[in-house]
Amino acid sequence: GGIIGLVLVWIISVVLTKVLDFEFVLGMGNV
């Protein structure tokens, strides 16, 4: 369940980084 949540965060971070001029980073520490 947690991995699914992390994958969702990663997908959203990639989308937001491309759409917005802002680097949304999912760091290894948070993973």
Full PDB file with SEQRES, HELIX, SHEET, SSBOND, CRYST1, ORIGX, SCALE, CONECT and MASTER records, all heavy atoms in Angstrom:
SEQRES   1 A   31  GLY GLY ILE ILE GLY LEU VAL LEU VAL TRP ILE ILE SER          
SEQRES   2 A   31  VAL VAL LEU THR LYS VAL LEU ASP PHE GLU PHE VAL LEU          
SEQRES   3 A   31  GLY MET GLY ASN VAL                                          
HELIX    1 AA1 GLY A    2  VAL A   19  1                                  18    
CRYST1    1.000    1.000    1.000  90.00  90.00  90.00 P 1           1          
ORIGX1      1.000000  0.000000  0.000000        0.00000                         
ORIGX2      0.000000  1.000000  0.000000        0.00000                         
ORIGX3      0.000000  0.000000  1.000000        0.00000                         
SCALE1      1.000000  0.000000  0.000000        0.00000                         
SCALE2      0.000000  1.000000  0.000000        0.00000                         
SCALE3      0.000000  0.000000  1.000000        0.00000                         
ATOM      1  N   GLY A   1       0.821  -1.204   0.000  1.00  0.00           N  
ATOM      2  CA  GLY A   1       0.000   0.000   0.000  1.00  0.00           C  
ATOM      3  C   GLY A   1       0.855   1.254   0.000  1.00  0.00           C  
ATOM      4  O   GLY A   1       0.556   2.230  -0.697  1.00  0.00           O  
ATOM      5  N   GLY A   2       1.942   1.247   0.783  1.00  0.00           N  
ATOM      6  CA  GLY A   2       2.845   2.395   0.831  1.00  0.00           C  
ATOM      7  C   GLY A   2       3.545   2.641  -0.487  1.00  0.00           C  
ATOM      8  O   GLY A   2       3.697   3.796  -0.917  1.00  0.00           O  
ATOM      9  N   ILE A   3       3.964   1.568  -1.152  1.00  0.00           N  
ATOM     10  CA  ILE A   3       4.647   1.704  -2.446  1.00  0.00           C  
ATOM     11  C   ILE A   3       3.702   2.316  -3.481  1.00  0.00           C  
ATOM     12  O   ILE A   3       4.115   3.156  -4.292  1.00  0.00           O  
ATOM     13  CB  ILE A   3       5.172   0.336  -2.927  1.00  0.00           C  
ATOM     14  CG1 ILE A   3       6.358  -0.097  -2.044  1.00  0.00           C  
ATOM     15  CG2 ILE A   3       5.594   0.396  -4.389  1.00  0.00           C  
ATOM     16  CD1 ILE A   3       6.860  -1.496  -2.324  1.00  0.00           C  
ATOM     17  N   ILE A   4       2.429   1.905  -3.439  1.00  0.00           N  
ATOM     18  CA  ILE A   4       1.450   2.499  -4.354  1.00  0.00           C  
ATOM     19  C   ILE A   4       1.358   4.007  -4.111  1.00  0.00           C  
ATOM     20  O   ILE A   4       1.315   4.812  -5.045  1.00  0.00           O  
ATOM     21  CB  ILE A   4       0.057   1.846  -4.182  1.00  0.00           C  
ATOM     22  CG1 ILE A   4       0.110   0.368  -4.587  1.00  0.00           C  
ATOM     23  CG2 ILE A   4      -0.999   2.581  -5.009  1.00  0.00           C  
ATOM     24  CD1 ILE A   4      -1.151  -0.394  -4.273  1.00  0.00           C  
ATOM     25  N   GLY A   5       1.336   4.407  -2.820  1.00  0.00           N  
ATOM     26  CA  GLY A   5       1.306   5.829  -2.476  1.00  0.00           C  
ATOM     27  C   GLY A   5       2.536   6.564  -2.984  1.00  0.00           C  
ATOM     28  O   GLY A   5       2.438   7.677  -3.513  1.00  0.00           O  
ATOM     29  N   LEU A   6       3.719   5.943  -2.847  1.00  0.00           N  
ATOM     30  CA  LEU A   6       4.964   6.557  -3.314  1.00  0.00           C  
ATOM     31  C   LEU A   6       4.978   6.701  -4.830  1.00  0.00           C  
ATOM     32  O   LEU A   6       5.450   7.718  -5.364  1.00  0.00           O  
ATOM     33  CB  LEU A   6       6.161   5.718  -2.862  1.00  0.00           C  
ATOM     34  CG  LEU A   6       6.488   5.750  -1.360  1.00  0.00           C  
ATOM     35  CD1 LEU A   6       7.545   4.710  -1.026  1.00  0.00           C  
ATOM     36  CD2 LEU A   6       6.956   7.140  -0.941  1.00  0.00           C  
ATOM     37  N   VAL A   7       4.458   5.691  -5.518  1.00  0.00           N  
ATOM     38  CA  VAL A   7       4.393   5.756  -6.987  1.00  0.00           C  
ATOM     39  C   VAL A   7       3.496   6.912  -7.425  1.00  0.00           C  
ATOM     40  O   VAL A   7       3.810   7.645  -8.366  1.00  0.00           O  
ATOM     41  CB  VAL A   7       3.887   4.420  -7.575  1.00  0.00           C  
ATOM     42  CG1 VAL A   7       3.580   4.564  -9.062  1.00  0.00           C  
ATOM     43  CG2 VAL A   7       4.916   3.322  -7.361  1.00  0.00           C  
ATOM     44  N   LEU A   8       2.372   7.089  -6.718  1.00  0.00           N  
ATOM     45  CA  LEU A   8       1.470   8.200  -7.036  1.00  0.00           C  
ATOM     46  C   LEU A   8       2.171   9.549  -6.832  1.00  0.00           C  
ATOM     47  O   LEU A   8       2.016  10.469  -7.643  1.00  0.00           O  
ATOM     48  CB  LEU A   8       0.211   8.124  -6.162  1.00  0.00           C  
ATOM     49  CG  LEU A   8      -0.759   6.973  -6.463  1.00  0.00           C  
ATOM     50  CD1 LEU A   8      -1.892   6.960  -5.450  1.00  0.00           C  
ATOM     51  CD2 LEU A   8      -1.321   7.099  -7.886  1.00  0.00           C  
ATOM     52  N   VAL A   9       2.931   9.677  -5.740  1.00  0.00           N  
ATOM     53  CA  VAL A   9       3.676  10.920  -5.484  1.00  0.00           C  
ATOM     54  C   VAL A   9       4.689  11.159  -6.596  1.00  0.00           C  
ATOM     55  O   VAL A   9       4.841  12.288  -7.087  1.00  0.00           O  
ATOM     56  CB  VAL A   9       4.403  10.864  -4.121  1.00  0.00           C  
ATOM     57  CG1 VAL A   9       5.284  12.096  -3.935  1.00  0.00           C  
ATOM     58  CG2 VAL A   9       3.399  10.776  -2.982  1.00  0.00           C  
ATOM     59  N   TRP A  10       5.375  10.100  -7.014  1.00  0.00           N  
ATOM     60  CA  TRP A  10       6.380  10.221  -8.084  1.00  0.00           C  
ATOM     61  C   TRP A  10       5.741  10.670  -9.386  1.00  0.00           C  
ATOM     62  O   TRP A  10       6.259  11.557 -10.082  1.00  0.00           O  
ATOM     63  CB  TRP A  10       7.099   8.892  -8.277  1.00  0.00           C  
ATOM     64  CG  TRP A  10       8.089   8.930  -9.412  1.00  0.00           C  
ATOM     65  CD1 TRP A  10       9.328   9.497  -9.409  1.00  0.00           C  
ATOM     66  CD2 TRP A  10       7.890   8.402 -10.732  1.00  0.00           C  
ATOM     67  NE1 TRP A  10       9.920   9.356 -10.640  1.00  0.00           N  
ATOM     68  CE2 TRP A  10       9.065   8.682 -11.462  1.00  0.00           C  
ATOM     69  CE3 TRP A  10       6.843   7.717 -11.345  1.00  0.00           C  
ATOM     70  CZ2 TRP A  10       9.207   8.302 -12.794  1.00  0.00           C  
ATOM     71  CZ3 TRP A  10       6.987   7.334 -12.672  1.00  0.00           C  
ATOM     72  CH2 TRP A  10       8.165   7.629 -13.387  1.00  0.00           C  
ATOM     73  N   ILE A  11       4.585  10.070  -9.732  1.00  0.00           N  
ATOM     74  CA  ILE A  11       3.893  10.438 -10.975  1.00  0.00           C  
ATOM     75  C   ILE A  11       3.495  11.912 -10.936  1.00  0.00           C  
ATOM     76  O   ILE A  11       3.705  12.659 -11.898  1.00  0.00           O  
ATOM     77  CB  ILE A  11       2.643   9.549 -11.186  1.00  0.00           C  
ATOM     78  CG1 ILE A  11       3.071   8.103 -11.480  1.00  0.00           C  
ATOM     79  CG2 ILE A  11       1.780  10.088 -12.329  1.00  0.00           C  
ATOM     80  CD1 ILE A  11       1.915   7.123 -11.520  1.00  0.00           C  
ATOM     81  N   ILE A  12       2.925  12.332  -9.804  1.00  0.00           N  
ATOM     82  CA  ILE A  12       2.492  13.726  -9.670  1.00  0.00           C  
ATOM     83  C   ILE A  12       3.695  14.669  -9.716  1.00  0.00           C  
ATOM     84  O   ILE A  12       3.629  15.755 -10.304  1.00  0.00           O  
ATOM     85  CB  ILE A  12       1.700  13.913  -8.356  1.00  0.00           C  
ATOM     86  CG1 ILE A  12       0.345  13.211  -8.471  1.00  0.00           C  
ATOM     87  CG2 ILE A  12       1.500  15.395  -8.045  1.00  0.00           C  
ATOM     88  CD1 ILE A  12      -0.474  13.249  -7.214  1.00  0.00           C  
ATOM     89  N   SER A  13       4.820  14.264  -9.105  1.00  0.00           N  
ATOM     90  CA  SER A  13       6.012  15.111  -9.120  1.00  0.00           C  
ATOM     91  C   SER A  13       6.535  15.301 -10.535  1.00  0.00           C  
ATOM     92  O   SER A  13       6.959  16.407 -10.907  1.00  0.00           O  
ATOM     93  CB  SER A  13       7.104  14.509  -8.224  1.00  0.00           C  
ATOM     94  OG  SER A  13       7.623  13.312  -8.779  1.00  0.00           O  
ATOM     95  N   VAL A  14       6.502  14.245 -11.336  1.00  0.00           N  
ATOM     96  CA  VAL A  14       6.960  14.337 -12.731  1.00  0.00           C  
ATOM     97  C   VAL A  14       6.039  15.263 -13.527  1.00  0.00           C  
ATOM     98  O   VAL A  14       6.500  16.126 -14.289  1.00  0.00           O  
ATOM     99  CB  VAL A  14       7.006  12.935 -13.382  1.00  0.00           C  
ATOM    100  CG1 VAL A  14       7.265  13.053 -14.883  1.00  0.00           C  
ATOM    101  CG2 VAL A  14       8.077  12.075 -12.740  1.00  0.00           C  
ATOM    102  N   VAL A  15       4.724  15.094 -13.330  1.00  0.00           N  
ATOM    103  CA  VAL A  15       3.750  15.915 -14.060  1.00  0.00           C  
ATOM    104  C   VAL A  15       3.888  17.390 -13.682  1.00  0.00           C  
ATOM    105  O   VAL A  15       3.934  18.268 -14.548  1.00  0.00           O  
ATOM    106  CB  VAL A  15       2.307  15.421 -13.788  1.00  0.00           C  
ATOM    107  CG1 VAL A  15       1.286  16.390 -14.381  1.00  0.00           C  
ATOM    108  CG2 VAL A  15       2.102  14.023 -14.358  1.00  0.00           C  
ATOM    109  N   LEU A  16       3.968  17.664 -12.371  1.00  0.00           N  
ATOM    110  CA  LEU A  16       4.067  19.053 -11.911  1.00  0.00           C  
ATOM    111  C   LEU A  16       5.358  19.714 -12.374  1.00  0.00           C  
ATOM    112  O   LEU A  16       5.373  20.906 -12.695  1.00  0.00           O  
ATOM    113  CB  LEU A  16       3.971  19.115 -10.386  1.00  0.00           C  
ATOM    114  CG  LEU A  16       2.601  18.810  -9.775  1.00  0.00           C  
ATOM    115  CD1 LEU A  16       2.664  18.895  -8.257  1.00  0.00           C  
ATOM    116  CD2 LEU A  16       1.543  19.772 -10.305  1.00  0.00           C  
ATOM    117  N   THR A  17       6.451  18.957 -12.393  1.00  0.00           N  
ATOM    118  CA  THR A  17       7.731  19.512 -12.842  1.00  0.00           C  
ATOM    119  C   THR A  17       7.665  19.926 -14.301  1.00  0.00           C  
ATOM    120  O   THR A  17       8.246  20.942 -14.701  1.00  0.00           O  
ATOM    121  CB  THR A  17       8.868  18.483 -12.634  1.00  0.00           C  
ATOM    122  OG1 THR A  17       8.960  18.157 -11.241  1.00  0.00           O  
ATOM    123  CG2 THR A  17      10.204  19.047 -13.094  1.00  0.00           C  
ATOM    124  N   LYS A  18       6.920  19.145 -15.109  1.00  0.00           N  
ATOM    125  CA  LYS A  18       6.807  19.466 -16.534  1.00  0.00           C  
ATOM    126  C   LYS A  18       5.816  20.595 -16.789  1.00  0.00           C  
ATOM    127  O   LYS A  18       6.036  21.440 -17.643  1.00  0.00           O  
ATOM    128  CB  LYS A  18       6.388  18.216 -17.316  1.00  0.00           C  
ATOM    129  CG  LYS A  18       7.475  17.160 -17.406  1.00  0.00           C  
ATOM    130  CD  LYS A  18       7.063  16.004 -18.287  1.00  0.00           C  
ATOM    131  CE  LYS A  18       8.198  14.986 -18.433  1.00  0.00           C  
ATOM    132  NZ  LYS A  18       7.809  13.848 -19.301  1.00  0.00           N  
ATOM    133  N   VAL A  19       4.714  20.596 -16.025  1.00  0.00           N  
ATOM    134  CA  VAL A  19       3.669  21.601 -16.237  1.00  0.00           C  
ATOM    135  C   VAL A  19       4.072  22.950 -15.661  1.00  0.00           C  
ATOM    136  O   VAL A  19       3.892  23.994 -16.296  1.00  0.00           O  
ATOM    137  CB  VAL A  19       2.327  21.138 -15.618  1.00  0.00           C  
ATOM    138  CG1 VAL A  19       1.283  22.260 -15.675  1.00  0.00           C  
ATOM    139  CG2 VAL A  19       1.814  19.902 -16.347  1.00  0.00           C  
ATOM    140  N   LEU A  20       4.623  22.937 -14.433  1.00  0.00           N  
ATOM    141  CA  LEU A  20       5.021  24.170 -13.754  1.00  0.00           C  
ATOM    142  C   LEU A  20       6.513  24.401 -13.928  1.00  0.00           C  
ATOM    143  O   LEU A  20       7.286  23.469 -14.141  1.00  0.00           O  
ATOM    144  CB  LEU A  20       4.690  24.094 -12.259  1.00  0.00           C  
ATOM    145  CG  LEU A  20       3.231  23.761 -11.898  1.00  0.00           C  
ATOM    146  CD1 LEU A  20       3.109  23.608 -10.395  1.00  0.00           C  
ATOM    147  CD2 LEU A  20       2.293  24.831 -12.414  1.00  0.00           C  
ATOM    148  N   ASP A  21       6.914  25.658 -13.820  1.00  0.00           N  
ATOM    149  CA  ASP A  21       8.342  25.975 -13.857  1.00  0.00           C  
ATOM    150  C   ASP A  21       8.899  25.865 -12.436  1.00  0.00           C  
ATOM    151  O   ASP A  21       9.390  26.828 -11.848  1.00  0.00           O  
ATOM    152  CB  ASP A  21       8.547  27.382 -14.405  1.00  0.00           C  
ATOM    153  CG  ASP A  21      10.003  27.655 -14.753  1.00  0.00           C  
ATOM    154  OD1 ASP A  21      10.813  26.711 -14.649  1.00  0.00           O  
ATOM    155  OD2 ASP A  21      10.326  28.798 -15.102  1.00  0.00           O  
ATOM    156  N   PHE A  22       8.779  24.647 -11.901  1.00  0.00           N  
ATOM    157  CA  PHE A  22       9.187  24.390 -10.514  1.00  0.00           C  
ATOM    158  C   PHE A  22       9.598  22.929 -10.418  1.00  0.00           C  
ATOM    159  O   PHE A  22       8.851  22.035 -10.829  1.00  0.00           O  
ATOM    160  CB  PHE A  22       8.014  24.677  -9.572  1.00  0.00           C  
ATOM    161  CG  PHE A  22       8.324  24.447  -8.123  1.00  0.00           C  
ATOM    162  CD1 PHE A  22       8.981  25.412  -7.380  1.00  0.00           C  
ATOM    163  CD2 PHE A  22       7.965  23.257  -7.503  1.00  0.00           C  
ATOM    164  CE1 PHE A  22       9.268  25.200  -6.031  1.00  0.00           C  
ATOM    165  CE2 PHE A  22       8.244  23.028  -6.172  1.00  0.00           C  
ATOM    166  CZ  PHE A  22       8.893  24.009  -5.437  1.00  0.00           C  
ATOM    167  N   GLU A  23      10.784  22.693  -9.891  1.00  0.00           N  
ATOM    168  CA  GLU A  23      11.293  21.320  -9.797  1.00  0.00           C  
ATOM    169  C   GLU A  23      10.763  20.650  -8.535  1.00  0.00           C  
ATOM    170  O   GLU A  23      11.165  20.966  -7.423  1.00  0.00           O  
ATOM    171  CB  GLU A  23      12.820  21.331  -9.785  1.00  0.00           C  
ATOM    172  CG  GLU A  23      13.411  19.926  -9.864  1.00  0.00           C  
ATOM    173  CD  GLU A  23      14.924  19.934  -9.885  1.00  0.00           C  
ATOM    174  OE1 GLU A  23      15.512  21.018  -9.729  1.00  0.00           O  
ATOM    175  OE2 GLU A  23      15.508  18.852 -10.031  1.00  0.00           O  
ATOM    176  N   PHE A  24       9.818  19.727  -8.722  1.00  0.00           N  
ATOM    177  CA  PHE A  24       9.231  18.970  -7.621  1.00  0.00           C  
ATOM    178  C   PHE A  24      10.042  17.689  -7.478  1.00  0.00           C  
ATOM    179  O   PHE A  24      10.045  16.839  -8.372  1.00  0.00           O  
ATOM    180  CB  PHE A  24       7.772  18.650  -7.935  1.00  0.00           C  
ATOM    181  CG  PHE A  24       6.978  18.172  -6.756  1.00  0.00           C  
ATOM    182  CD1 PHE A  24       6.136  19.032  -6.061  1.00  0.00           C  
ATOM    183  CD2 PHE A  24       7.060  16.852  -6.324  1.00  0.00           C  
ATOM    184  CE1 PHE A  24       5.399  18.597  -4.975  1.00  0.00           C  
ATOM    185  CE2 PHE A  24       6.337  16.407  -5.244  1.00  0.00           C  
ATOM    186  CZ  PHE A  24       5.497  17.285  -4.574  1.00  0.00           C  
ATOM    187  N   VAL A  25      10.740  17.532  -6.364  1.00  0.00           N  
ATOM    188  CA  VAL A  25      11.692  16.431  -6.203  1.00  0.00           C  
ATOM    189  C   VAL A  25      11.217  15.454  -5.130  1.00  0.00           C  
ATOM    190  O   VAL A  25      10.875  15.854  -4.016  1.00  0.00           O  
ATOM    191  CB  VAL A  25      13.083  16.969  -5.807  1.00  0.00           C  
ATOM    192  CG1 VAL A  25      14.070  15.820  -5.647  1.00  0.00           C  
ATOM    193  CG2 VAL A  25      13.581  17.952  -6.851  1.00  0.00           C  
ATOM    194  N   LEU A  26      11.177  14.168  -5.499  1.00  0.00           N  
ATOM    195  CA  LEU A  26      10.921  13.102  -4.529  1.00  0.00           C  
ATOM    196  C   LEU A  26      12.260  12.478  -4.179  1.00  0.00           C  
ATOM    197  O   LEU A  26      12.797  11.657  -4.917  1.00  0.00           O  
ATOM    198  CB  LEU A  26       9.961  12.051  -5.117  1.00  0.00           C  
ATOM    199  CG  LEU A  26       9.670  10.833  -4.241  1.00  0.00           C  
ATOM    200  CD1 LEU A  26       9.030  11.248  -2.925  1.00  0.00           C  
ATOM    201  CD2 LEU A  26       8.778   9.834  -4.970  1.00  0.00           C  
ATOM    202  N   GLY A  27      12.815  12.887  -3.047  1.00  0.00           N  
ATOM    203  CA  GLY A  27      14.143  12.434  -2.650  1.00  0.00           C  
ATOM    204  C   GLY A  27      14.149  11.021  -2.106  1.00  0.00           C  
ATOM    205  O   GLY A  27      13.132  10.499  -1.647  1.00  0.00           O  
ATOM    206  N   MET A  28      15.329  10.402  -2.154  1.00  0.00           N  
ATOM    207  CA  MET A  28      15.466   9.035  -1.659  1.00  0.00           C  
ATOM    208  C   MET A  28      15.159   8.956  -0.169  1.00  0.00           C  
ATOM    209  O   MET A  28      14.621   7.950   0.307  1.00  0.00           O  
ATOM    210  CB  MET A  28      16.895   8.542  -1.935  1.00  0.00           C  
ATOM    211  CG  MET A  28      17.134   7.080  -1.517  1.00  0.00           C  
ATOM    212  SD  MET A  28      15.948   5.914  -2.262  1.00  0.00           S  
ATOM    213  CE  MET A  28      16.379   6.092  -4.000  1.00  0.00           C  
ATOM    214  N   GLY A  29      15.470  10.018   0.567  1.00  0.00           N  
ATOM    215  CA  GLY A  29      15.180  10.026   1.999  1.00  0.00           C  
ATOM    216  C   GLY A  29      13.692   9.888   2.262  1.00  0.00           C  
ATOM    217  O   GLY A  29      13.273   9.151   3.173  1.00  0.00           O  
ATOM    218  N   ASN A  30      12.862  10.573   1.466  1.00  0.00           N  
ATOM    219  CA  ASN A  30      11.419  10.480   1.632  1.00  0.00           C  
ATOM    220  C   ASN A  30      10.886   9.128   1.196  1.00  0.00           C  
ATOM    221  O   ASN A  30       9.908   8.626   1.756  1.00  0.00           O  
ATOM    222  CB  ASN A  30      10.728  11.598   0.841  1.00  0.00           C  
ATOM    223  CG  ASN A  30      10.857  12.951   1.514  1.00  0.00           C  
ATOM    224  OD1 ASN A  30      10.962  13.030   2.741  1.00  0.00           O  
ATOM    225  ND2 ASN A  30      10.879  14.010   0.740  1.00  0.00           N  
ATOM    226  N   VAL A  31      11.511   8.529   0.178  1.00  0.00           N  
ATOM    227  CA  VAL A  31      11.113   7.184  -0.250  1.00  0.00           C  
ATOM    228  C   VAL A  31      11.367   6.173   0.870  1.00  0.00           C  
ATOM    229  O   VAL A  31      10.520   5.339   1.190  1.00  0.00           O  
ATOM    230  CB  VAL A  31      11.884   6.765  -1.524  1.00  0.00           C  
ATOM    231  CG1 VAL A  31      11.634   5.289  -1.854  1.00  0.00           C  
ATOM    232  CG2 VAL A  31      11.474   7.642  -2.706  1.00  0.00           C  
TER     233      VAL A  31                                                      
MASTER        0    0    0    1    0    0    0    6  232    1    0    3          
END                                                                             
